[in-house]
């Protein structure tokens, strides 16, 4: 991602789960380091390099595995990536994870950009509905499906069919496929209302986490 922020092309799959898994396998086979401390140092160094490159570059877009995006969104992508895998590591080690309300807010530019690109075409085919997504105590945005095509807007639609209010960390972990949506709903971390509130359980299934 530091290379991408600097304007250098780095191919890494085409955004589908299968292509990213294959790219990961090739990268791991070519990279032998497995010790925790050197890897942690590399993460810090390359994250710093990405931020420095993004800060010093122009306003143009960069090409990523999930399509073109601005450098500001790329930095949000990097944070989302680190938080997702950091959550996995924390769970494996029995430690507290770093996903919180403030970091979820910083991940939103990427998550909103990525949503149309990770829509499950088969599940969304022919579907038409207007959603308002409200993070508890935070952002609101709109997700509109028109005959299977999705549009994400920074403002909610004027007349949403369904409003989903969701706790921010729950939203983030659901978006990355880390927790079960039905369990989150059963625990009261997700609420829904509107003209067609029954559309809420369908919403997570319309997307496939890469």
N, C-alpha and C. Protein backbone atom coordinates (compact mmCIF):
# COMPACT_ATOMS: atom_id res chain seq x y z
N UNK A 1 0.82 -1.21 0.00
CA UNK A 1 0.00 0.00 0.00
C UNK A 1 0.86 1.26 0.00
N UNK A 2 2.05 1.19 0.58
CA UNK A 2 2.97 2.32 0.49
C UNK A 2 3.36 2.57 -0.96
N UNK A 3 3.59 1.50 -1.72
CA UNK A 3 3.89 1.65 -3.14
C UNK A 3 2.70 2.26 -3.88
N UNK A 4 1.48 1.80 -3.58
CA UNK A 4 0.30 2.35 -4.22
C UNK A 4 0.16 3.83 -3.93
N UNK A 5 0.38 4.22 -2.67
CA UNK A 5 0.27 5.63 -2.29
C UNK A 5 1.30 6.49 -3.01
N UNK A 6 2.46 5.89 -3.33
CA UNK A 6 3.51 6.62 -4.04
C UNK A 6 3.28 6.63 -5.55
N UNK A 7 2.22 5.97 -6.01
CA UNK A 7 1.91 5.97 -7.43
C UNK A 7 2.51 4.82 -8.21
N UNK A 8 3.08 3.84 -7.50
CA UNK A 8 3.65 2.67 -8.18
C UNK A 8 2.61 1.55 -8.22
N UNK A 9 2.45 0.94 -9.38
CA UNK A 9 1.47 -0.12 -9.54
C UNK A 9 1.94 -1.41 -8.86
N UNK A 10 1.03 -2.04 -8.12
CA UNK A 10 1.30 -3.33 -7.48
C UNK A 10 0.09 -4.21 -7.65
N UNK A 11 0.16 -5.16 -8.56
CA UNK A 11 -0.95 -6.07 -8.76
C UNK A 11 -1.12 -6.99 -7.57
N UNK A 12 -2.37 -7.21 -7.16
CA UNK A 12 -2.63 -8.11 -6.02
C UNK A 12 -4.07 -8.61 -6.11
N UNK A 13 -4.34 -9.47 -7.09
CA UNK A 13 -5.68 -9.99 -7.26
C UNK A 13 -6.61 -8.96 -7.89
N UNK A 14 -7.87 -9.34 -8.00
CA UNK A 14 -8.85 -8.46 -8.62
C UNK A 14 -9.98 -8.07 -7.67
N UNK A 15 -9.75 -8.26 -6.36
CA UNK A 15 -10.75 -7.87 -5.37
C UNK A 15 -11.67 -8.99 -4.93
N UNK A 16 -11.72 -10.09 -5.68
CA UNK A 16 -12.56 -11.22 -5.26
C UNK A 16 -11.86 -12.01 -4.16
N UNK A 17 -12.62 -12.66 -3.28
CA UNK A 17 -11.99 -13.44 -2.22
C UNK A 17 -11.01 -14.48 -2.75
N UNK A 18 -11.37 -15.13 -3.88
CA UNK A 18 -10.51 -16.17 -4.42
C UNK A 18 -9.17 -15.60 -4.90
N UNK A 19 -9.22 -14.47 -5.59
CA UNK A 19 -7.98 -13.89 -6.12
C UNK A 19 -7.09 -13.35 -5.01
N UNK A 20 -7.71 -12.78 -3.97
CA UNK A 20 -6.92 -12.26 -2.85
C UNK A 20 -6.28 -13.41 -2.08
N UNK A 21 -7.00 -14.51 -1.92
CA UNK A 21 -6.43 -15.67 -1.23
C UNK A 21 -5.25 -16.23 -2.01
N UNK A 22 -5.37 -16.28 -3.34
CA UNK A 22 -4.27 -16.77 -4.17
C UNK A 22 -3.07 -15.84 -4.09
N UNK A 23 -3.32 -14.52 -4.10
CA UNK A 23 -2.23 -13.55 -4.00
C UNK A 23 -1.55 -13.65 -2.64
N UNK A 24 -2.32 -13.85 -1.58
CA UNK A 24 -1.74 -14.04 -0.25
C UNK A 24 -0.83 -15.26 -0.21
N UNK A 25 -1.30 -16.33 -0.81
CA UNK A 25 -0.52 -17.57 -0.80
C UNK A 25 0.82 -17.38 -1.52
N UNK A 26 0.78 -16.70 -2.66
CA UNK A 26 2.03 -16.45 -3.39
C UNK A 26 2.96 -15.54 -2.60
N UNK A 27 2.39 -14.50 -1.96
CA UNK A 27 3.21 -13.56 -1.20
C UNK A 27 3.87 -14.25 -0.01
N UNK A 28 3.12 -15.09 0.70
CA UNK A 28 3.68 -15.78 1.86
C UNK A 28 4.77 -16.77 1.46
N UNK A 29 4.59 -17.40 0.29
CA UNK A 29 5.60 -18.36 -0.16
C UNK A 29 6.92 -17.66 -0.48
N UNK A 30 6.85 -16.39 -0.89
CA UNK A 30 8.05 -15.66 -1.27
C UNK A 30 8.65 -14.85 -0.12
N UNK A 31 7.98 -14.85 1.04
CA UNK A 31 8.41 -14.01 2.16
C UNK A 31 8.57 -14.90 3.38
N UNK A 32 9.79 -15.10 3.83
CA UNK A 32 10.06 -16.12 4.83
C UNK A 32 9.94 -15.69 6.28
N UNK A 33 9.89 -14.40 6.58
CA UNK A 33 9.88 -13.95 7.97
C UNK A 33 8.58 -14.35 8.67
N UNK A 34 8.70 -14.95 9.87
CA UNK A 34 7.52 -15.34 10.63
C UNK A 34 7.60 -14.88 12.09
N UNK A 35 8.73 -14.35 12.52
CA UNK A 35 8.88 -13.92 13.91
C UNK A 35 8.06 -12.65 14.17
N UNK A 36 7.44 -12.59 15.34
CA UNK A 36 6.49 -11.51 15.63
C UNK A 36 7.13 -10.13 15.66
N UNK A 37 8.28 -9.99 16.36
CA UNK A 37 8.85 -8.65 16.53
C UNK A 37 9.32 -8.04 15.22
N UNK A 38 10.05 -8.76 14.36
CA UNK A 38 10.40 -8.16 13.07
C UNK A 38 9.18 -7.80 12.23
N UNK A 39 8.16 -8.64 12.25
CA UNK A 39 6.95 -8.35 11.48
C UNK A 39 6.25 -7.11 12.01
N UNK A 40 6.18 -6.96 13.33
CA UNK A 40 5.56 -5.78 13.92
C UNK A 40 6.31 -4.51 13.50
N UNK A 41 7.64 -4.59 13.50
CA UNK A 41 8.43 -3.45 13.07
C UNK A 41 8.20 -3.10 11.62
N UNK A 42 8.04 -4.12 10.78
CA UNK A 42 7.77 -3.87 9.36
C UNK A 42 6.41 -3.21 9.15
N UNK A 43 5.42 -3.66 9.91
CA UNK A 43 4.09 -3.05 9.80
C UNK A 43 4.16 -1.56 10.11
N UNK A 44 4.85 -1.21 11.20
CA UNK A 44 4.96 0.21 11.58
C UNK A 44 5.71 0.99 10.51
N UNK A 45 6.82 0.44 10.04
CA UNK A 45 7.64 1.15 9.05
C UNK A 45 6.89 1.37 7.75
N UNK A 46 6.20 0.35 7.28
CA UNK A 46 5.51 0.48 5.99
C UNK A 46 4.23 1.28 6.11
N UNK A 47 3.57 1.24 7.26
CA UNK A 47 2.41 2.10 7.47
C UNK A 47 2.85 3.56 7.47
N UNK A 48 3.98 3.86 8.13
CA UNK A 48 4.53 5.22 8.10
C UNK A 48 4.87 5.64 6.67
N UNK A 49 5.45 4.71 5.91
CA UNK A 49 5.81 5.02 4.52
C UNK A 49 4.57 5.31 3.69
N UNK A 50 3.50 4.57 3.92
CA UNK A 50 2.25 4.80 3.21
C UNK A 50 1.69 6.18 3.53
N UNK A 51 1.66 6.55 4.80
CA UNK A 51 1.15 7.86 5.20
C UNK A 51 2.00 8.98 4.62
N UNK A 52 3.33 8.80 4.65
CA UNK A 52 4.22 9.82 4.11
C UNK A 52 4.01 9.99 2.61
N UNK A 53 3.89 8.88 1.89
CA UNK A 53 3.68 8.94 0.45
C UNK A 53 2.34 9.58 0.12
N UNK A 54 1.29 9.21 0.86
CA UNK A 54 -0.03 9.76 0.60
C UNK A 54 -0.06 11.26 0.89
N UNK A 55 0.64 11.67 1.95
CA UNK A 55 0.66 13.09 2.32
C UNK A 55 1.43 13.92 1.31
N UNK A 56 2.45 13.33 0.69
CA UNK A 56 3.29 14.11 -0.22
C UNK A 56 2.88 14.03 -1.67
N UNK A 57 1.89 13.20 -1.99
CA UNK A 57 1.49 13.01 -3.39
C UNK A 57 0.37 13.98 -3.76
N UNK A 58 0.03 13.97 -5.02
CA UNK A 58 -1.03 14.85 -5.50
C UNK A 58 -2.40 14.30 -5.17
N UNK A 59 -3.41 14.89 -5.80
CA UNK A 59 -4.79 14.55 -5.49
C UNK A 59 -5.35 13.44 -6.37
N UNK A 60 -4.55 12.89 -7.26
CA UNK A 60 -5.06 11.88 -8.18
C UNK A 60 -5.39 10.57 -7.49
N UNK A 61 -6.06 9.70 -8.22
CA UNK A 61 -6.45 8.40 -7.67
C UNK A 61 -5.34 7.38 -7.88
N UNK A 62 -5.45 6.27 -7.17
CA UNK A 62 -4.51 5.16 -7.31
C UNK A 62 -5.31 3.90 -7.61
N UNK A 63 -4.66 2.92 -8.22
CA UNK A 63 -5.32 1.66 -8.56
C UNK A 63 -5.03 0.64 -7.47
N UNK A 64 -6.07 0.04 -6.92
CA UNK A 64 -5.94 -0.93 -5.83
C UNK A 64 -6.64 -2.23 -6.22
N UNK A 65 -6.47 -3.28 -5.44
CA UNK A 65 -7.20 -4.53 -5.74
C UNK A 65 -8.71 -4.37 -5.75
N UNK A 66 -9.22 -3.32 -5.09
CA UNK A 66 -10.66 -3.07 -5.08
C UNK A 66 -11.02 -1.87 -5.96
N UNK A 67 -10.20 -1.61 -6.98
CA UNK A 67 -10.51 -0.55 -7.93
C UNK A 67 -9.85 0.77 -7.59
N UNK A 68 -10.04 1.79 -8.43
CA UNK A 68 -9.42 3.09 -8.19
C UNK A 68 -10.03 3.80 -6.97
N UNK A 69 -9.20 4.51 -6.25
CA UNK A 69 -9.66 5.31 -5.11
C UNK A 69 -8.67 6.42 -4.83
N UNK A 70 -9.12 7.43 -4.14
CA UNK A 70 -8.22 8.52 -3.76
C UNK A 70 -7.23 8.04 -2.72
N UNK A 71 -6.16 8.81 -2.53
CA UNK A 71 -5.16 8.42 -1.52
C UNK A 71 -5.74 8.51 -0.12
N UNK A 72 -6.67 9.42 0.11
CA UNK A 72 -7.31 9.49 1.43
C UNK A 72 -8.09 8.21 1.71
N UNK A 73 -8.79 7.70 0.70
CA UNK A 73 -9.53 6.46 0.88
C UNK A 73 -8.56 5.28 1.01
N UNK A 74 -7.43 5.34 0.28
CA UNK A 74 -6.42 4.29 0.40
C UNK A 74 -5.90 4.19 1.84
N UNK A 75 -5.67 5.32 2.48
CA UNK A 75 -5.20 5.31 3.87
C UNK A 75 -6.28 4.71 4.78
N UNK A 76 -7.55 5.02 4.50
CA UNK A 76 -8.65 4.41 5.24
C UNK A 76 -8.69 2.90 4.99
N UNK A 77 -8.36 2.49 3.77
CA UNK A 77 -8.25 1.07 3.40
C UNK A 77 -7.17 0.40 4.24
N UNK A 78 -6.02 1.04 4.35
CA UNK A 78 -4.93 0.49 5.14
C UNK A 78 -5.36 0.30 6.60
N UNK A 79 -6.02 1.31 7.17
CA UNK A 79 -6.47 1.20 8.55
C UNK A 79 -7.46 0.05 8.70
N UNK A 80 -8.42 -0.04 7.78
CA UNK A 80 -9.41 -1.12 7.84
C UNK A 80 -8.73 -2.48 7.79
N UNK A 81 -7.75 -2.60 6.90
CA UNK A 81 -7.00 -3.84 6.74
C UNK A 81 -6.28 -4.21 8.04
N UNK A 82 -5.61 -3.24 8.63
CA UNK A 82 -4.87 -3.49 9.86
C UNK A 82 -5.79 -3.82 11.03
N UNK A 83 -6.93 -3.12 11.11
CA UNK A 83 -7.86 -3.39 12.20
C UNK A 83 -8.48 -4.78 12.06
N UNK A 84 -8.81 -5.18 10.83
CA UNK A 84 -9.41 -6.49 10.63
C UNK A 84 -8.47 -7.61 11.03
N UNK A 85 -7.23 -7.54 10.55
CA UNK A 85 -6.28 -8.59 10.89
C UNK A 85 -5.81 -8.45 12.34
N UNK A 86 -5.75 -7.22 12.84
CA UNK A 86 -5.42 -7.03 14.25
C UNK A 86 -6.46 -7.65 15.16
N UNK A 87 -7.72 -7.57 14.76
CA UNK A 87 -8.80 -8.20 15.52
C UNK A 87 -8.60 -9.72 15.56
N UNK A 88 -8.24 -10.29 14.40
CA UNK A 88 -8.00 -11.73 14.35
C UNK A 88 -6.85 -12.14 15.27
N UNK A 89 -5.77 -11.36 15.24
CA UNK A 89 -4.61 -11.66 16.09
C UNK A 89 -4.97 -11.54 17.57
N UNK A 90 -5.72 -10.49 17.92
CA UNK A 90 -6.09 -10.29 19.32
C UNK A 90 -6.93 -11.45 19.83
N UNK A 91 -7.87 -11.92 19.01
CA UNK A 91 -8.70 -13.04 19.43
C UNK A 91 -7.86 -14.31 19.59
N UNK A 92 -6.92 -14.52 18.67
CA UNK A 92 -6.08 -15.72 18.76
C UNK A 92 -5.21 -15.70 20.00
N UNK A 93 -4.79 -14.50 20.42
CA UNK A 93 -3.90 -14.37 21.57
C UNK A 93 -4.65 -14.11 22.87
N UNK A 94 -5.96 -13.99 22.80
CA UNK A 94 -6.75 -13.72 23.99
C UNK A 94 -6.53 -12.33 24.54
N UNK A 95 -6.26 -11.36 23.65
CA UNK A 95 -6.01 -9.99 24.08
C UNK A 95 -7.12 -9.06 23.58
N UNK A 96 -7.13 -7.86 24.12
CA UNK A 96 -8.14 -6.88 23.73
C UNK A 96 -7.84 -6.35 22.33
N UNK A 97 -8.85 -6.28 21.47
CA UNK A 97 -8.63 -5.78 20.12
C UNK A 97 -8.66 -4.25 20.09
N UNK A 98 -8.28 -3.67 18.97
CA UNK A 98 -8.14 -2.21 18.84
C UNK A 98 -9.29 -1.56 18.10
N UNK A 99 -10.33 -2.30 17.76
CA UNK A 99 -11.45 -1.72 17.03
C UNK A 99 -12.32 -0.95 18.01
N UNK A 100 -12.50 0.36 17.78
CA UNK A 100 -13.35 1.18 18.62
C UNK A 100 -14.11 2.19 17.75
N UNK A 101 -14.97 2.96 18.37
CA UNK A 101 -15.83 3.90 17.65
C UNK A 101 -15.03 4.88 16.79
N UNK A 102 -13.95 5.43 17.35
CA UNK A 102 -13.16 6.42 16.63
C UNK A 102 -12.48 5.82 15.41
N UNK A 103 -11.93 4.63 15.55
CA UNK A 103 -11.25 4.00 14.41
C UNK A 103 -12.26 3.53 13.36
N UNK A 104 -13.43 3.11 13.79
CA UNK A 104 -14.46 2.74 12.82
C UNK A 104 -14.84 3.96 11.98
N UNK A 105 -14.95 5.13 12.61
CA UNK A 105 -15.27 6.35 11.86
C UNK A 105 -14.21 6.63 10.80
N UNK A 106 -12.94 6.37 11.12
CA UNK A 106 -11.87 6.59 10.14
C UNK A 106 -11.87 5.54 9.03
N UNK A 107 -12.48 4.40 9.29
CA UNK A 107 -12.55 3.35 8.27
C UNK A 107 -13.71 3.56 7.29
N UNK A 108 -14.66 4.42 7.63
CA UNK A 108 -15.86 4.58 6.83
C UNK A 108 -15.60 5.02 5.38
N UNK A 109 -14.65 5.95 5.12
CA UNK A 109 -14.43 6.31 3.71
C UNK A 109 -14.12 5.11 2.83
N UNK A 110 -13.33 4.17 3.35
CA UNK A 110 -13.05 2.97 2.56
C UNK A 110 -14.26 2.05 2.50
N UNK A 111 -14.90 1.79 3.62
CA UNK A 111 -16.02 0.86 3.63
C UNK A 111 -17.14 1.32 2.70
N UNK A 112 -17.42 2.61 2.69
CA UNK A 112 -18.47 3.13 1.81
C UNK A 112 -18.05 3.04 0.35
N UNK A 113 -16.76 3.27 0.07
CA UNK A 113 -16.26 3.14 -1.31
C UNK A 113 -16.31 1.69 -1.78
N UNK A 114 -16.02 0.77 -0.86
CA UNK A 114 -15.92 -0.64 -1.24
C UNK A 114 -17.26 -1.33 -1.38
N UNK A 115 -18.30 -0.83 -0.73
CA UNK A 115 -19.58 -1.55 -0.70
C UNK A 115 -20.11 -1.90 -2.10
N UNK A 116 -20.13 -0.96 -3.06
CA UNK A 116 -20.62 -1.35 -4.40
C UNK A 116 -19.73 -2.41 -5.06
N UNK A 117 -18.47 -2.47 -4.66
CA UNK A 117 -17.52 -3.38 -5.29
C UNK A 117 -17.55 -4.78 -4.68
N UNK A 118 -18.18 -4.92 -3.52
CA UNK A 118 -18.27 -6.23 -2.88
C UNK A 118 -19.73 -6.69 -2.79
N UNK A 119 -20.59 -6.07 -3.58
CA UNK A 119 -21.99 -6.51 -3.62
C UNK A 119 -22.07 -7.90 -4.25
N UNK A 120 -22.85 -8.77 -3.65
CA UNK A 120 -23.06 -10.11 -4.20
C UNK A 120 -24.09 -10.00 -5.33
N UNK A 121 -23.62 -10.08 -6.56
CA UNK A 121 -24.49 -9.83 -7.71
C UNK A 121 -25.66 -10.80 -7.76
N UNK A 122 -25.42 -12.06 -7.41
CA UNK A 122 -26.49 -13.06 -7.47
C UNK A 122 -27.56 -12.77 -6.42
N UNK A 123 -27.16 -12.42 -5.22
CA UNK A 123 -28.11 -12.15 -4.14
C UNK A 123 -28.88 -10.85 -4.40
N UNK A 124 -28.20 -9.85 -4.97
CA UNK A 124 -28.83 -8.55 -5.18
C UNK A 124 -29.61 -8.45 -6.48
N UNK A 125 -29.53 -9.44 -7.33
CA UNK A 125 -30.17 -9.37 -8.65
C UNK A 125 -31.66 -9.04 -8.53
N UNK A 126 -32.07 -7.98 -9.23
CA UNK A 126 -33.47 -7.58 -9.25
C UNK A 126 -33.97 -6.88 -8.01
N UNK A 127 -33.10 -6.68 -7.02
CA UNK A 127 -33.52 -6.11 -5.73
C UNK A 127 -33.55 -4.59 -5.80
N UNK A 128 -34.62 -3.98 -5.28
CA UNK A 128 -34.75 -2.53 -5.22
C UNK A 128 -35.20 -2.13 -3.82
N UNK A 129 -34.41 -1.27 -3.16
CA UNK A 129 -34.74 -0.81 -1.82
C UNK A 129 -33.82 0.34 -1.44
N UNK A 130 -34.31 1.19 -0.53
CA UNK A 130 -33.52 2.32 -0.03
C UNK A 130 -33.28 2.14 1.47
N UNK A 131 -32.00 2.10 1.85
CA UNK A 131 -31.61 1.95 3.25
C UNK A 131 -30.97 3.22 3.79
N UNK A 132 -31.25 3.53 5.03
CA UNK A 132 -30.45 4.48 5.80
C UNK A 132 -29.67 3.69 6.84
N UNK A 133 -28.35 3.87 6.87
CA UNK A 133 -27.51 3.21 7.88
C UNK A 133 -27.09 4.27 8.89
N UNK A 134 -27.38 4.03 10.15
CA UNK A 134 -27.04 4.96 11.23
C UNK A 134 -26.14 4.25 12.23
N UNK A 135 -24.93 4.75 12.38
CA UNK A 135 -24.05 4.23 13.43
C UNK A 135 -24.38 4.94 14.73
N UNK A 136 -24.53 4.19 15.80
CA UNK A 136 -24.92 4.79 17.07
C UNK A 136 -23.96 5.92 17.43
N UNK A 137 -24.50 7.11 17.62
CA UNK A 137 -23.70 8.26 18.02
C UNK A 137 -22.73 8.75 16.96
N UNK A 138 -22.93 8.32 15.69
CA UNK A 138 -21.96 8.69 14.66
C UNK A 138 -22.60 8.98 13.32
N UNK A 139 -21.97 8.49 12.27
CA UNK A 139 -22.33 8.85 10.91
C UNK A 139 -23.66 8.21 10.47
N UNK A 140 -24.25 8.84 9.44
CA UNK A 140 -25.40 8.29 8.74
C UNK A 140 -25.11 8.35 7.25
N UNK A 141 -25.51 7.32 6.52
CA UNK A 141 -25.34 7.34 5.07
C UNK A 141 -26.41 6.49 4.42
N UNK A 142 -26.50 6.59 3.10
CA UNK A 142 -27.54 5.89 2.38
C UNK A 142 -26.99 4.79 1.50
N UNK A 143 -27.73 3.70 1.39
CA UNK A 143 -27.40 2.60 0.48
C UNK A 143 -28.67 2.29 -0.31
N UNK A 144 -28.63 2.53 -1.61
CA UNK A 144 -29.80 2.34 -2.45
C UNK A 144 -29.54 1.26 -3.49
N UNK A 145 -30.44 0.28 -3.55
CA UNK A 145 -30.40 -0.76 -4.57
C UNK A 145 -31.48 -0.46 -5.61
N UNK A 146 -31.07 -0.45 -6.86
CA UNK A 146 -32.00 -0.24 -7.96
C UNK A 146 -31.84 -1.38 -8.95
N UNK A 147 -32.76 -2.32 -8.90
CA UNK A 147 -32.70 -3.50 -9.75
C UNK A 147 -31.33 -4.19 -9.66
N UNK A 148 -30.83 -4.29 -8.42
CA UNK A 148 -29.58 -5.00 -8.17
C UNK A 148 -28.34 -4.15 -8.19
N UNK A 149 -28.42 -2.92 -8.68
CA UNK A 149 -27.26 -2.02 -8.71
C UNK A 149 -27.27 -1.16 -7.45
N UNK A 150 -26.13 -1.08 -6.76
CA UNK A 150 -26.08 -0.37 -5.48
C UNK A 150 -25.36 0.96 -5.63
N UNK A 151 -25.88 1.97 -4.94
CA UNK A 151 -25.27 3.29 -4.85
C UNK A 151 -25.16 3.66 -3.38
N UNK A 152 -23.98 4.11 -2.96
CA UNK A 152 -23.77 4.53 -1.58
C UNK A 152 -23.56 6.04 -1.57
N UNK A 153 -24.31 6.74 -0.73
CA UNK A 153 -24.25 8.20 -0.67
C UNK A 153 -23.97 8.65 0.75
N UNK A 154 -23.25 9.78 0.91
CA UNK A 154 -22.95 10.25 2.27
C UNK A 154 -24.18 10.76 3.02
N UNK A 155 -25.27 11.01 2.30
CA UNK A 155 -26.53 11.41 2.95
C UNK A 155 -27.58 10.32 2.76
N UNK A 156 -28.42 10.09 3.77
CA UNK A 156 -29.46 9.08 3.64
C UNK A 156 -30.48 9.47 2.57
N UNK A 157 -31.19 8.51 1.99
CA UNK A 157 -32.23 8.83 1.02
C UNK A 157 -33.39 9.56 1.69
N UNK A 158 -34.14 10.32 0.90
CA UNK A 158 -35.24 11.13 1.45
C UNK A 158 -36.31 10.26 2.09
N UNK A 159 -36.63 9.13 1.46
CA UNK A 159 -37.68 8.25 1.99
C UNK A 159 -37.15 6.82 2.04
N UNK A 160 -36.37 6.49 3.05
CA UNK A 160 -35.82 5.13 3.12
C UNK A 160 -36.91 4.10 3.37
N UNK A 161 -36.72 2.95 2.79
CA UNK A 161 -37.62 1.83 3.08
C UNK A 161 -37.31 1.23 4.44
N UNK A 162 -36.03 1.26 4.80
CA UNK A 162 -35.59 0.63 6.04
C UNK A 162 -34.43 1.42 6.63
N UNK A 163 -34.53 1.75 7.91
CA UNK A 163 -33.43 2.39 8.62
C UNK A 163 -32.82 1.38 9.58
N UNK A 164 -31.50 1.21 9.46
CA UNK A 164 -30.78 0.27 10.32
C UNK A 164 -29.87 1.08 11.24
N UNK A 165 -30.09 0.98 12.54
CA UNK A 165 -29.22 1.62 13.53
C UNK A 165 -28.35 0.53 14.14
N UNK A 166 -27.04 0.74 14.12
CA UNK A 166 -26.13 -0.33 14.51
C UNK A 166 -24.96 0.22 15.31
N UNK A 167 -24.57 -0.51 16.32
CA UNK A 167 -23.41 -0.13 17.13
C UNK A 167 -22.16 -0.15 16.24
N UNK A 168 -21.30 0.89 16.29
CA UNK A 168 -20.22 1.03 15.31
C UNK A 168 -19.27 -0.16 15.20
N UNK A 169 -18.80 -0.69 16.32
CA UNK A 169 -17.87 -1.82 16.24
C UNK A 169 -18.56 -3.04 15.63
N UNK A 170 -19.83 -3.22 15.97
CA UNK A 170 -20.59 -4.31 15.37
C UNK A 170 -20.69 -4.14 13.86
N UNK A 171 -20.96 -2.91 13.42
CA UNK A 171 -21.02 -2.63 11.99
C UNK A 171 -19.71 -3.00 11.30
N UNK A 172 -18.60 -2.59 11.89
CA UNK A 172 -17.29 -2.85 11.30
C UNK A 172 -17.02 -4.35 11.19
N UNK A 173 -17.26 -5.07 12.27
CA UNK A 173 -16.97 -6.51 12.28
C UNK A 173 -17.91 -7.28 11.36
N UNK A 174 -19.16 -6.83 11.25
CA UNK A 174 -20.07 -7.45 10.29
C UNK A 174 -19.60 -7.18 8.87
N UNK A 175 -19.17 -5.95 8.60
CA UNK A 175 -18.74 -5.58 7.25
C UNK A 175 -17.55 -6.42 6.82
N UNK A 176 -16.68 -6.79 7.75
CA UNK A 176 -15.51 -7.59 7.43
C UNK A 176 -15.76 -9.09 7.59
N UNK A 177 -17.00 -9.47 7.84
CA UNK A 177 -17.34 -10.88 7.95
C UNK A 177 -16.80 -11.56 9.19
N UNK A 178 -16.55 -10.76 10.25
CA UNK A 178 -15.96 -11.35 11.46
C UNK A 178 -16.99 -11.84 12.46
N UNK A 179 -18.22 -11.36 12.39
CA UNK A 179 -19.25 -11.81 13.32
C UNK A 179 -20.53 -12.12 12.56
N UNK A 180 -21.37 -12.91 13.18
CA UNK A 180 -22.63 -13.33 12.56
C UNK A 180 -23.68 -12.24 12.72
N UNK A 181 -24.30 -11.77 11.63
CA UNK A 181 -25.31 -10.71 11.73
C UNK A 181 -26.49 -11.09 12.62
N UNK A 182 -26.95 -12.34 12.55
CA UNK A 182 -28.12 -12.73 13.32
C UNK A 182 -27.83 -12.71 14.82
N UNK A 183 -26.61 -13.09 15.19
CA UNK A 183 -26.24 -13.01 16.60
C UNK A 183 -26.21 -11.57 17.09
N UNK A 184 -25.69 -10.66 16.25
CA UNK A 184 -25.65 -9.24 16.62
C UNK A 184 -27.06 -8.68 16.79
N UNK A 185 -27.97 -9.08 15.91
CA UNK A 185 -29.35 -8.63 16.02
C UNK A 185 -30.00 -9.17 17.29
N UNK A 186 -29.74 -10.44 17.59
CA UNK A 186 -30.33 -11.06 18.78
C UNK A 186 -29.85 -10.39 20.06
N UNK A 187 -28.61 -9.85 20.04
CA UNK A 187 -28.05 -9.19 21.23
C UNK A 187 -28.44 -7.72 21.31
N UNK A 188 -29.28 -7.24 20.39
CA UNK A 188 -29.73 -5.86 20.44
C UNK A 188 -28.71 -4.85 19.96
N UNK A 189 -27.69 -5.31 19.22
CA UNK A 189 -26.68 -4.38 18.69
C UNK A 189 -27.11 -3.78 17.36
N UNK A 190 -28.23 -4.28 16.82
CA UNK A 190 -28.78 -3.79 15.55
C UNK A 190 -30.28 -3.58 15.73
N UNK A 191 -30.76 -2.40 15.35
CA UNK A 191 -32.18 -2.08 15.42
C UNK A 191 -32.63 -1.63 14.03
N UNK A 192 -33.91 -1.84 13.72
CA UNK A 192 -34.42 -1.47 12.40
C UNK A 192 -35.85 -0.99 12.51
N UNK A 193 -36.19 -0.03 11.62
CA UNK A 193 -37.56 0.46 11.53
C UNK A 193 -37.77 1.06 10.14
N UNK A 194 -38.99 1.50 9.87
CA UNK A 194 -39.31 2.11 8.58
C UNK A 194 -40.49 1.44 7.92
N UNK A 195 -40.71 1.78 6.65
CA UNK A 195 -41.85 1.24 5.92
C UNK A 195 -41.72 -0.26 5.65
N UNK A 196 -40.46 -0.73 5.55
CA UNK A 196 -40.22 -2.15 5.26
C UNK A 196 -39.10 -2.66 6.18
N UNK A 197 -39.32 -2.67 7.47
CA UNK A 197 -38.24 -3.05 8.41
C UNK A 197 -37.76 -4.48 8.22
N UNK A 198 -38.59 -5.33 7.62
CA UNK A 198 -38.18 -6.72 7.40
C UNK A 198 -37.02 -6.86 6.42
N UNK A 199 -36.65 -5.74 5.76
CA UNK A 199 -35.51 -5.78 4.85
C UNK A 199 -34.17 -5.76 5.59
N UNK A 200 -34.17 -5.44 6.88
CA UNK A 200 -32.92 -5.33 7.63
C UNK A 200 -32.11 -6.62 7.64
N UNK A 201 -32.70 -7.79 7.96
CA UNK A 201 -31.89 -9.02 7.97
C UNK A 201 -31.30 -9.36 6.61
N UNK A 202 -31.91 -8.87 5.54
CA UNK A 202 -31.39 -9.18 4.21
C UNK A 202 -30.14 -8.38 3.88
N UNK A 203 -29.96 -7.22 4.52
CA UNK A 203 -28.91 -6.29 4.12
C UNK A 203 -27.51 -6.92 4.16
N UNK A 204 -27.08 -7.58 5.25
CA UNK A 204 -25.70 -8.12 5.26
C UNK A 204 -25.45 -9.15 4.17
N UNK A 205 -26.49 -9.91 3.80
CA UNK A 205 -26.32 -10.97 2.80
C UNK A 205 -26.13 -10.42 1.39
N UNK A 206 -26.36 -9.11 1.22
CA UNK A 206 -26.21 -8.50 -0.10
C UNK A 206 -24.75 -8.22 -0.45
N UNK A 207 -23.85 -8.46 0.51
CA UNK A 207 -22.44 -8.17 0.31
C UNK A 207 -21.60 -9.40 0.66
N UNK A 208 -20.43 -9.49 0.03
CA UNK A 208 -19.48 -10.56 0.31
C UNK A 208 -18.15 -9.93 0.71
N UNK A 209 -17.72 -10.13 1.94
CA UNK A 209 -16.45 -9.56 2.40
C UNK A 209 -15.30 -10.17 1.61
N UNK A 210 -14.37 -9.32 1.08
CA UNK A 210 -13.25 -9.87 0.28
C UNK A 210 -12.23 -10.58 1.16
